[in-house]
Amino acid sequence: MINDWWKIGWQSSYQTVHSMIDDVWCYSKYWHHPHSDLLVVLLHGQLANSHWWRPIAGQLAKDCSVLAVDFSGMGDSQWRENYSFLTHVLEAKHISQLMNKKHFVTIGHSYGGLVGLSLAAHNLSAHKGHIMIDSPMAVLFEEQAPSRFIDSRIKAQVVHYPDQKTICSRFRIIPPQPILIPSLAEAVALESVILDEKGWRWKFDPNVLAFMHTGGRLATDVKPILSYIAGGESVFWKGSYAMLLDKHQVAYQVIPKAHHALLLDAPEALYQTIQQQLQVFQ
């Protein structure tokens, strides 16, 4: 049963890594493999956190070391006064190099895929490949200009809820899609909230939405191997994109019946697909 499969990776033990980056503490989860020179760095989507990766990270850790990042303003990492796409790219770079592994591969879901793509453009010698998981194709191919969600001059207010049950009941996937594994979505929701002196709130800083992408497009001079994994039912995937990926020599695979949040609705199929692509990188 798939409901049992995700729990195996979720329950795999990990260490917490603390990194000071531009005066802000950034947290990551680390699964160490003593006999592997490869580090897989997992980058989450906008407003998400590293817990989304736990079912897959725990499984990947059987073969290599794994690091799941919390970008500043999200997850357990501290908040910043101001955010930028470049700051998250530099966070990914710093943390990827921190573990001092011979090689590393980045895997990013949605927004994290764009961050990893910009990092790949740095052409670091240790960066062997990058996998984008359902990142917005319109941004990748410049069909749609990046835009702001809200006016960055207006500070969004943190909303508090009376109890954990109430706030978790408001957990939503963006863009909207069916929740195919309710137990996994519930586990992620529980790890996405925190209690402070005013009540229960989401861990992410609502002001992180005051900016959008200023990078993350496909370049012609990227040396790390690039690949793409799409959800067959995702709002971000069109069949016509296959030709564009072929044109840019980006290998791709489509997971049937999966939506945008593949980490939550198709974790086992996604893990198997990632394993296939990692073999190409190695």
C-alpha atoms as a PDB file:
ATOM      1  CA  MET A   1       0.000   0.000   0.000  1.00  0.00           C
ATOM      2  CA  ILE A   2       1.316   3.451  -0.890  1.00  0.00           C
ATOM      3  CA  ASN A   3       0.125   4.778   2.471  1.00  0.00           C
ATOM      4  CA  ASP A   4       2.554   2.407   4.160  1.00  0.00           C
ATOM      5  CA  TRP A   5       5.381   3.167   1.722  1.00  0.00           C
ATOM      6  CA  TRP A   6       5.629   6.879   2.529  1.00  0.00           C
ATOM      7  CA  LYS A   7       5.832   6.189   6.266  1.00  0.00           C
ATOM      8  CA  ILE A   8       9.086   4.232   5.879  1.00  0.00           C
ATOM      9  CA  GLY A   9      10.949   7.235   4.500  1.00  0.00           C
ATOM     10  CA  TRP A  10       9.151   9.654   6.811  1.00  0.00           C
ATOM     11  CA  GLN A  11      10.312   7.788   9.906  1.00  0.00           C
ATOM     12  CA  SER A  12      13.957   7.602   8.789  1.00  0.00           C
ATOM     13  CA  SER A  13      16.145   9.459  11.300  1.00  0.00           C
ATOM     14  CA  TYR A  14      18.069  12.581  10.284  1.00  0.00           C
ATOM     15  CA  GLN A  15      20.289  15.288  11.740  1.00  0.00           C
ATOM     16  CA  THR A  16      19.504  19.001  11.796  1.00  0.00           C
ATOM     17  CA  VAL A  17      22.080  21.292  10.180  1.00  0.00           C
ATOM     18  CA  HIS A  18      22.203  24.973  11.186  1.00  0.00           C
ATOM     19  CA  SER A  19      23.836  27.437   8.762  1.00  0.00           C
ATOM     20  CA  MET A  20      24.254  31.188   9.262  1.00  0.00           C
ATOM     21  CA  ILE A  21      23.727  32.858   5.871  1.00  0.00           C
ATOM     22  CA  ASP A  22      23.674  36.674   5.699  1.00  0.00           C
ATOM     23  CA  ASP A  23      22.878  36.971   9.415  1.00  0.00           C
ATOM     24  CA  VAL A  24      19.960  34.532   9.245  1.00  0.00           C
ATOM     25  CA  TRP A  25      19.932  30.952  10.521  1.00  0.00           C
ATOM     26  CA  CYS A  26      18.882  28.472   7.854  1.00  0.00           C
ATOM     27  CA  TYR A  27      17.952  24.930   8.851  1.00  0.00           C
ATOM     28  CA  SER A  28      18.298  21.726   6.850  1.00  0.00           C
ATOM     29  CA  LYS A  29      17.671  18.036   7.432  1.00  0.00           C
ATOM     30  CA  TYR A  30      20.635  15.744   6.769  1.00  0.00           C
ATOM     31  CA  TRP A  31      20.731  11.991   6.176  1.00  0.00           C
ATOM     32  CA  HIS A  32      24.378  10.872   6.185  1.00  0.00           C
ATOM     33  CA  HIS A  33      25.647   7.953   4.107  1.00  0.00           C
ATOM     34  CA  PRO A  34      29.197   7.023   5.173  1.00  0.00           C
ATOM     35  CA  HIS A  35      30.104   5.199   1.965  1.00  0.00           C
ATOM     36  CA  SER A  36      28.854   7.586  -0.728  1.00  0.00           C
ATOM     37  CA  ASP A  37      30.600  10.583  -2.303  1.00  0.00           C
ATOM     38  CA  LEU A  38      27.269  11.872  -3.632  1.00  0.00           C
ATOM     39  CA  LEU A  39      25.075  14.415  -1.878  1.00  0.00           C
ATOM     40  CA  VAL A  40      21.488  14.918  -3.069  1.00  0.00           C
ATOM     41  CA  VAL A  41      20.185  18.385  -2.167  1.00  0.00           C
ATOM     42  CA  LEU A  42      16.389  18.737  -2.030  1.00  0.00           C
ATOM     43  CA  LEU A  43      14.788  22.157  -2.587  1.00  0.00           C
ATOM     44  CA  HIS A  44      11.142  22.700  -1.663  1.00  0.00           C
ATOM     45  CA  GLY A  45       8.462  24.813  -3.310  1.00  0.00           C
ATOM     46  CA  GLN A  46       7.083  28.234  -2.408  1.00  0.00           C
ATOM     47  CA  LEU A  47       5.527  28.353   1.105  1.00  0.00           C
ATOM     48  CA  ALA A  48       6.452  24.679   1.627  1.00  0.00           C
ATOM     49  CA  ASN A  49       9.277  23.227   3.730  1.00  0.00           C
ATOM     50  CA  SER A  50      11.717  20.320   3.944  1.00  0.00           C
ATOM     51  CA  HIS A  51       9.139  17.999   5.541  1.00  0.00           C
ATOM     52  CA  TRP A  52       7.506  17.651   2.119  1.00  0.00           C
ATOM     53  CA  TRP A  53      10.621  15.712   1.090  1.00  0.00           C
ATOM     54  CA  ARG A  54      10.844  13.318   4.038  1.00  0.00           C
ATOM     55  CA  PRO A  55       9.138  10.253   2.468  1.00  0.00           C
ATOM     56  CA  ILE A  56      11.516  10.426  -0.506  1.00  0.00           C
ATOM     57  CA  ALA A  57      14.602  11.648   1.362  1.00  0.00           C
ATOM     58  CA  GLY A  58      14.519   8.720   3.761  1.00  0.00           C
ATOM     59  CA  GLN A  59      14.457   6.302   0.825  1.00  0.00           C
ATOM     60  CA  LEU A  60      17.205   8.092  -1.133  1.00  0.00           C
ATOM     61  CA  ALA A  61      19.407   7.989   1.968  1.00  0.00           C
ATOM     62  CA  LYS A  62      19.820   4.229   1.528  1.00  0.00           C
ATOM     63  CA  ASP A  63      22.200   4.951  -1.366  1.00  0.00           C
ATOM     64  CA  CYS A  64      23.678   8.418  -0.771  1.00  0.00           C
ATOM     65  CA  SER A  65      23.763  11.368   1.606  1.00  0.00           C
ATOM     66  CA  VAL A  66      20.715  13.636   1.436  1.00  0.00           C
ATOM     67  CA  LEU A  67      20.175  17.243   2.496  1.00  0.00           C
ATOM     68  CA  ALA A  68      16.687  18.806   2.535  1.00  0.00           C
ATOM     69  CA  VAL A  69      16.787  22.591   2.753  1.00  0.00           C
ATOM     70  CA  ASP A  70      14.439  25.063   4.440  1.00  0.00           C
ATOM     71  CA  PHE A  71      14.761  28.375   2.580  1.00  0.00           C
ATOM     72  CA  SER A  72      14.801  31.504   4.740  1.00  0.00           C
ATOM     73  CA  GLY A  73      11.257  32.617   5.489  1.00  0.00           C
ATOM     74  CA  MET A  74       9.948  29.059   5.253  1.00  0.00           C
ATOM     75  CA  GLY A  75      10.004  25.911   7.350  1.00  0.00           C
ATOM     76  CA  ASP A  76      12.195  26.128  10.457  1.00  0.00           C
ATOM     77  CA  SER A  77      14.581  28.719   9.001  1.00  0.00           C
ATOM     78  CA  GLN A  78      14.517  32.267  10.307  1.00  0.00           C
ATOM     79  CA  TRP A  79      12.684  35.097   8.594  1.00  0.00           C
ATOM     80  CA  ARG A  80      14.384  37.986   6.777  1.00  0.00           C
ATOM     81  CA  GLU A  81      13.508  41.652   6.623  1.00  0.00           C
ATOM     82  CA  ASN A  82      13.604  41.426   2.816  1.00  0.00           C
ATOM     83  CA  TYR A  83      13.707  38.470   0.430  1.00  0.00           C
ATOM     84  CA  SER A  84      15.019  37.881  -3.058  1.00  0.00           C
ATOM     85  CA  PHE A  85      15.235  34.974  -5.452  1.00  0.00           C
ATOM     86  CA  LEU A  86      19.022  35.402  -5.541  1.00  0.00           C
ATOM     87  CA  THR A  87      19.201  35.055  -1.752  1.00  0.00           C
ATOM     88  CA  HIS A  88      17.576  31.625  -1.944  1.00  0.00           C
ATOM     89  CA  VAL A  89      19.963  30.618  -4.746  1.00  0.00           C
ATOM     90  CA  LEU A  90      22.929  31.618  -2.574  1.00  0.00           C
ATOM     91  CA  GLU A  91      21.451  29.710   0.368  1.00  0.00           C
ATOM     92  CA  ALA A  92      21.208  26.585  -1.789  1.00  0.00           C
ATOM     93  CA  LYS A  93      24.793  27.094  -2.958  1.00  0.00           C
ATOM     94  CA  HIS A  94      26.159  27.591   0.553  1.00  0.00           C
ATOM     95  CA  ILE A  95      24.371  24.593   2.011  1.00  0.00           C
ATOM     96  CA  SER A  96      25.239  22.343  -0.957  1.00  0.00           C
ATOM     97  CA  GLN A  97      28.938  23.071  -0.442  1.00  0.00           C
ATOM     98  CA  LEU A  98      28.771  22.908   3.347  1.00  0.00           C
ATOM     99  CA  MET A  99      28.860  19.110   3.593  1.00  0.00           C
ATOM    100  CA  ASN A 100      32.071  18.976   1.515  1.00  0.00           C
ATOM    101  CA  LYS A 101      31.000  16.037  -0.650  1.00  0.00           C
ATOM    102  CA  LYS A 102      32.838  15.217  -3.876  1.00  0.00           C
ATOM    103  CA  HIS A 103      29.689  15.542  -5.993  1.00  0.00           C
ATOM    104  CA  PHE A 104      26.200  16.901  -5.456  1.00  0.00           C
ATOM    105  CA  VAL A 105      22.932  16.829  -7.382  1.00  0.00           C
ATOM    106  CA  THR A 106      20.075  19.252  -6.748  1.00  0.00           C
ATOM    107  CA  ILE A 107      16.412  18.315  -7.025  1.00  0.00           C
ATOM    108  CA  GLY A 108      13.834  21.077  -6.778  1.00  0.00           C
ATOM    109  CA  HIS A 109      10.062  21.035  -6.732  1.00  0.00           C
ATOM    110  CA  SER A 110       8.256  23.970  -8.377  1.00  0.00           C
ATOM    111  CA  TYR A 111       9.954  27.144  -7.069  1.00  0.00           C
ATOM    112  CA  GLY A 112      12.823  25.018  -5.765  1.00  0.00           C
ATOM    113  CA  GLY A 113      13.382  23.747  -9.290  1.00  0.00           C
ATOM    114  CA  LEU A 114      13.936  27.323 -10.499  1.00  0.00           C
ATOM    115  CA  VAL A 115      16.338  27.994  -7.617  1.00  0.00           C
ATOM    116  CA  GLY A 116      18.322  24.868  -8.473  1.00  0.00           C
ATOM    117  CA  LEU A 117      18.373  25.806 -12.149  1.00  0.00           C
ATOM    118  CA  SER A 118      19.908  29.191 -11.339  1.00  0.00           C
ATOM    119  CA  LEU A 119      22.467  27.445  -9.137  1.00  0.00           C
ATOM    120  CA  ALA A 120      23.294  25.100 -12.033  1.00  0.00           C
ATOM    121  CA  ALA A 121      24.125  28.185 -14.126  1.00  0.00           C
ATOM    122  CA  HIS A 122      27.005  28.847 -11.693  1.00  0.00           C
ATOM    123  CA  ASN A 123      28.648  25.753 -13.243  1.00  0.00           C
ATOM    124  CA  LEU A 124      30.246  24.556 -10.010  1.00  0.00           C
ATOM    125  CA  SER A 125      32.558  21.629 -10.699  1.00  0.00           C
ATOM    126  CA  ALA A 126      30.938  19.482  -7.992  1.00  0.00           C
ATOM    127  CA  HIS A 127      27.396  20.138  -9.273  1.00  0.00           C
ATOM    128  CA  LYS A 128      26.717  17.147 -11.504  1.00  0.00           C
ATOM    129  CA  GLY A 129      23.046  17.579 -12.281  1.00  0.00           C
ATOM    130  CA  HIS A 130      19.721  19.188 -11.486  1.00  0.00           C
ATOM    131  CA  ILE A 131      16.225  17.714 -11.612  1.00  0.00           C
ATOM    132  CA  MET A 132      13.268  20.092 -11.907  1.00  0.00           C
ATOM    133  CA  ILE A 133       9.999  18.679 -10.620  1.00  0.00           C
ATOM    134  CA  ASP A 134       6.967  20.364 -12.176  1.00  0.00           C
ATOM    135  CA  SER A 135       8.519  23.833 -12.146  1.00  0.00           C
ATOM    136  CA  PRO A 136       6.380  26.402 -14.021  1.00  0.00           C
ATOM    137  CA  MET A 137       7.233  25.873 -17.681  1.00  0.00           C
ATOM    138  CA  ALA A 138       5.954  29.299 -18.746  1.00  0.00           C
ATOM    139  CA  VAL A 139       8.688  30.875 -16.609  1.00  0.00           C
ATOM    140  CA  LEU A 140      11.363  28.474 -17.855  1.00  0.00           C
ATOM    141  CA  PHE A 141      10.679  29.300 -21.485  1.00  0.00           C
ATOM    142  CA  GLU A 142       9.901  33.001 -20.958  1.00  0.00           C
ATOM    143  CA  GLU A 143       6.333  32.644 -22.189  1.00  0.00           C
ATOM    144  CA  GLN A 144       5.152  34.428 -19.074  1.00  0.00           C
ATOM    145  CA  ALA A 145       6.933  37.293 -17.376  1.00  0.00           C
ATOM    146  CA  PRO A 146       7.584  36.868 -13.641  1.00  0.00           C
ATOM    147  CA  SER A 147       5.187  38.918 -11.563  1.00  0.00           C
ATOM    148  CA  ARG A 148       4.685  39.976  -7.981  1.00  0.00           C
ATOM    149  CA  PHE A 149       1.923  38.448  -5.905  1.00  0.00           C
ATOM    150  CA  ILE A 150       1.527  41.486  -3.622  1.00  0.00           C
ATOM    151  CA  ASP A 151       2.919  44.983  -3.228  1.00  0.00           C
ATOM    152  CA  SER A 152       6.243  44.540  -1.416  1.00  0.00           C
ATOM    153  CA  ARG A 153       5.733  47.854   0.387  1.00  0.00           C
ATOM    154  CA  ILE A 154       2.777  46.403   2.274  1.00  0.00           C
ATOM    155  CA  LYS A 155       3.729  44.126   5.151  1.00  0.00           C
ATOM    156  CA  ALA A 156       1.444  41.123   5.377  1.00  0.00           C
ATOM    157  CA  GLN A 157       0.077  40.330   8.816  1.00  0.00           C
ATOM    158  CA  VAL A 158       0.634  36.990  10.522  1.00  0.00           C
ATOM    159  CA  VAL A 159      -2.688  35.244  11.148  1.00  0.00           C
ATOM    160  CA  HIS A 160      -3.067  33.202  14.333  1.00  0.00           C
ATOM    161  CA  TYR A 161      -5.496  30.376  15.048  1.00  0.00           C
ATOM    162  CA  PRO A 162      -6.867  29.153  18.392  1.00  0.00           C
ATOM    163  CA  ASP A 163      -5.624  25.565  18.166  1.00  0.00           C
ATOM    164  CA  GLN A 164      -3.608  23.142  16.055  1.00  0.00           C
ATOM    165  CA  LYS A 165      -6.645  21.314  14.719  1.00  0.00           C
ATOM    166  CA  THR A 166      -8.200  24.507  13.357  1.00  0.00           C
ATOM    167  CA  ILE A 167      -5.103  25.717  11.530  1.00  0.00           C
ATOM    168  CA  CYS A 168      -4.279  22.291  10.089  1.00  0.00           C
ATOM    169  CA  SER A 169      -7.827  22.006   8.755  1.00  0.00           C
ATOM    170  CA  ARG A 170      -6.988  25.013   6.561  1.00  0.00           C
ATOM    171  CA  PHE A 171      -3.996  23.317   4.913  1.00  0.00           C
ATOM    172  CA  ARG A 172      -4.295  23.717   1.148  1.00  0.00           C
ATOM    173  CA  ILE A 173      -2.208  22.767  -1.866  1.00  0.00           C
ATOM    174  CA  ILE A 174      -1.533  25.588  -4.346  1.00  0.00           C
ATOM    175  CA  PRO A 175      -2.643  25.408  -7.146  1.00  0.00           C
ATOM    176  CA  PRO A 176      -5.722  23.489  -5.925  1.00  0.00           C
ATOM    177  CA  GLN A 177      -5.671  19.757  -6.600  1.00  0.00           C
ATOM    178  CA  PRO A 178      -7.088  16.551  -5.112  1.00  0.00           C
ATOM    179  CA  ILE A 179      -5.436  15.241  -1.948  1.00  0.00           C
ATOM    180  CA  LEU A 180      -4.781  11.622  -2.861  1.00  0.00           C
ATOM    181  CA  ILE A 181      -2.991  10.527   0.329  1.00  0.00           C
ATOM    182  CA  PRO A 182      -4.778  12.291   3.219  1.00  0.00           C
ATOM    183  CA  SER A 183      -2.531  10.781   5.903  1.00  0.00           C
ATOM    184  CA  LEU A 184       0.595  12.226   4.241  1.00  0.00           C
ATOM    185  CA  ALA A 185      -0.991  15.648   3.739  1.00  0.00           C
ATOM    186  CA  GLU A 186      -2.002  15.634   7.412  1.00  0.00           C
ATOM    187  CA  ALA A 187       1.543  14.743   8.513  1.00  0.00           C
ATOM    188  CA  VAL A 188       2.986  17.583   6.423  1.00  0.00           C
ATOM    189  CA  ALA A 189       0.376  20.031   7.735  1.00  0.00           C
ATOM    190  CA  LEU A 190       1.282  19.203  11.341  1.00  0.00           C
ATOM    191  CA  GLU A 191       4.936  20.006  10.589  1.00  0.00           C
ATOM    192  CA  SER A 192       4.012  23.276   8.848  1.00  0.00           C
ATOM    193  CA  VAL A 193       2.600  25.052  11.911  1.00  0.00           C
ATOM    194  CA  ILE A 194       4.066  26.380  15.148  1.00  0.00           C
ATOM    195  CA  LEU A 195       2.740  27.713  18.451  1.00  0.00           C
ATOM    196  CA  ASP A 196       3.934  31.145  19.610  1.00  0.00           C
ATOM    197  CA  GLU A 197       2.771  33.524  22.331  1.00  0.00           C
ATOM    198  CA  LYS A 198      -0.240  34.638  20.242  1.00  0.00           C
ATOM    199  CA  GLY A 199      -1.466  31.224  19.127  1.00  0.00           C
ATOM    200  CA  TRP A 200      -0.929  28.820  16.239  1.00  0.00           C
ATOM    201  CA  ARG A 201       0.481  30.140  12.955  1.00  0.00           C
ATOM    202  CA  TRP A 202       2.005  28.841   9.735  1.00  0.00           C
ATOM    203  CA  LYS A 203       5.792  28.563   9.825  1.00  0.00           C
ATOM    204  CA  PHE A 204       6.273  30.553   6.615  1.00  0.00           C
ATOM    205  CA  ASP A 205       6.644  34.321   6.620  1.00  0.00           C
ATOM    206  CA  PRO A 206       3.635  35.753   4.721  1.00  0.00           C
ATOM    207  CA  ASN A 207       5.945  38.467   3.382  1.00  0.00           C
ATOM    208  CA  VAL A 208       7.979  35.917   1.445  1.00  0.00           C
ATOM    209  CA  LEU A 209       5.323  36.313  -1.262  1.00  0.00           C
ATOM    210  CA  ALA A 210       6.276  39.957  -1.786  1.00  0.00           C
ATOM    211  CA  PHE A 211       8.730  38.887  -4.478  1.00  0.00           C
ATOM    212  CA  MET A 212       8.723  36.498  -7.374  1.00  0.00           C
ATOM    213  CA  HIS A 213      11.333  35.029  -9.679  1.00  0.00           C
ATOM    214  CA  THR A 214      14.071  37.224 -11.116  1.00  0.00           C
ATOM    215  CA  GLY A 215      15.824  34.246 -12.628  1.00  0.00           C
ATOM    216  CA  GLY A 216      15.415  30.534 -13.130  1.00  0.00           C
ATOM    217  CA  ARG A 217      15.203  30.345 -16.909  1.00  0.00           C
ATOM    218  CA  LEU A 218      16.904  27.782 -19.111  1.00  0.00           C
ATOM    219  CA  ALA A 219      20.342  28.914 -20.261  1.00  0.00           C
ATOM    220  CA  THR A 220      22.433  27.479 -23.069  1.00  0.00           C
ATOM    221  CA  ASP A 221      25.721  27.294 -21.184  1.00  0.00           C
ATOM    222  CA  VAL A 222      24.721  25.183 -18.177  1.00  0.00           C
ATOM    223  CA  LYS A 223      27.200  22.355 -17.610  1.00  0.00           C
ATOM    224  CA  PRO A 224      25.349  20.229 -15.018  1.00  0.00           C
ATOM    225  CA  ILE A 225      23.004  17.705 -16.634  1.00  0.00           C
ATOM    226  CA  LEU A 226      19.390  18.912 -16.518  1.00  0.00           C
ATOM    227  CA  SER A 227      16.216  16.851 -16.407  1.00  0.00           C
ATOM    228  CA  TYR A 228      12.526  17.480 -15.775  1.00  0.00           C
ATOM    229  CA  ILE A 229       9.760  15.454 -14.123  1.00  0.00           C
ATOM    230  CA  ALA A 230       6.154  16.484 -14.749  1.00  0.00           C
ATOM    231  CA  GLY A 231       2.836  15.506 -13.266  1.00  0.00           C
ATOM    232  CA  GLY A 232       0.600  14.301 -16.070  1.00  0.00           C
ATOM    233  CA  GLU A 233      -2.401  16.100 -14.530  1.00  0.00           C
ATOM    234  CA  SER A 234      -0.471  19.205 -13.454  1.00  0.00           C
ATOM    235  CA  VAL A 235      -1.738  22.634 -14.460  1.00  0.00           C
ATOM    236  CA  PHE A 236       1.868  23.477 -15.361  1.00  0.00           C
ATOM    237  CA  TRP A 237       2.310  20.675 -17.911  1.00  0.00           C
ATOM    238  CA  LYS A 238       1.276  20.804 -21.554  1.00  0.00           C
ATOM    239  CA  GLY A 239       2.135  18.202 -24.158  1.00  0.00           C
ATOM    240  CA  SER A 240       3.627  20.943 -26.330  1.00  0.00           C
ATOM    241  CA  TYR A 241       6.350  21.503 -23.731  1.00  0.00           C
ATOM    242  CA  ALA A 242       7.877  18.147 -24.634  1.00  0.00           C
ATOM    243  CA  MET A 243       9.234  19.588 -27.884  1.00  0.00           C
ATOM    244  CA  LEU A 244      10.715  22.576 -26.054  1.00  0.00           C
ATOM    245  CA  LEU A 245      12.506  20.301 -23.589  1.00  0.00           C
ATOM    246  CA  ASP A 246      13.819  18.208 -26.463  1.00  0.00           C
ATOM    247  CA  LYS A 247      15.041  21.365 -28.174  1.00  0.00           C
ATOM    248  CA  HIS A 248      17.012  22.323 -25.055  1.00  0.00           C
ATOM    249  CA  GLN A 249      18.285  18.741 -24.651  1.00  0.00           C
ATOM    250  CA  VAL A 250      16.570  18.347 -21.290  1.00  0.00           C
ATOM    251  CA  ALA A 251      15.512  14.777 -20.562  1.00  0.00           C
ATOM    252  CA  TYR A 252      11.994  14.534 -19.171  1.00  0.00           C
ATOM    253  CA  GLN A 253       9.548  12.029 -17.753  1.00  0.00           C
ATOM    254  CA  VAL A 254       5.838  12.396 -17.075  1.00  0.00           C
ATOM    255  CA  ILE A 255       4.196  10.633 -14.138  1.00  0.00           C
ATOM    256  CA  PRO A 256       0.613   9.745 -15.178  1.00  0.00           C
ATOM    257  CA  LYS A 257      -2.286  10.825 -12.954  1.00  0.00           C
ATOM    258  CA  ALA A 258       0.031  12.935 -10.761  1.00  0.00           C
ATOM    259  CA  HIS A 259      -0.753  16.605 -10.143  1.00  0.00           C
ATOM    260  CA  HIS A 260       1.573  19.512  -9.340  1.00  0.00           C
ATOM    261  CA  ALA A 261       2.341  18.449  -5.766  1.00  0.00           C
ATOM    262  CA  LEU A 262       3.909  15.144  -6.790  1.00  0.00           C
ATOM    263  CA  LEU A 263       5.684  14.883  -3.441  1.00  0.00           C
ATOM    264  CA  LEU A 264       2.300  14.446  -1.762  1.00  0.00           C
ATOM    265  CA  ASP A 265       0.188  12.584  -4.309  1.00  0.00           C
ATOM    266  CA  ALA A 266       2.742  10.304  -6.033  1.00  0.00           C
ATOM    267  CA  PRO A 267       5.769   9.965  -3.713  1.00  0.00           C
ATOM    268  CA  GLU A 268       6.635   6.371  -4.602  1.00  0.00           C
ATOM    269  CA  ALA A 269       6.435   6.907  -8.371  1.00  0.00           C
ATOM    270  CA  LEU A 270       8.415  10.133  -7.981  1.00  0.00           C
ATOM    271  CA  TYR A 271      11.107   8.352  -5.959  1.00  0.00           C
ATOM    272  CA  GLN A 272      11.453   5.646  -8.604  1.00  0.00           C
ATOM    273  CA  THR A 273      11.725   8.258 -11.363  1.00  0.00           C
ATOM    274  CA  ILE A 274      14.339  10.216  -9.418  1.00  0.00           C
ATOM    275  CA  GLN A 275      16.355   7.033  -8.928  1.00  0.00           C
ATOM    276  CA  GLN A 276      16.390   6.436 -12.683  1.00  0.00           C
ATOM    277  CA  GLN A 277      17.609   9.953 -13.377  1.00  0.00           C
ATOM    278  CA  LEU A 278      20.272   9.839 -10.653  1.00  0.00           C
ATOM    279  CA  GLN A 279      21.783   6.812 -12.376  1.00  0.00           C
ATOM    280  CA  VAL A 280      22.255   8.950 -15.493  1.00  0.00           C
ATOM    281  CA  PHE A 281      24.011  11.667 -13.485  1.00  0.00           C
ATOM    282  CA  GLN A 282      26.395   9.173 -11.904  1.00  0.00           C
END
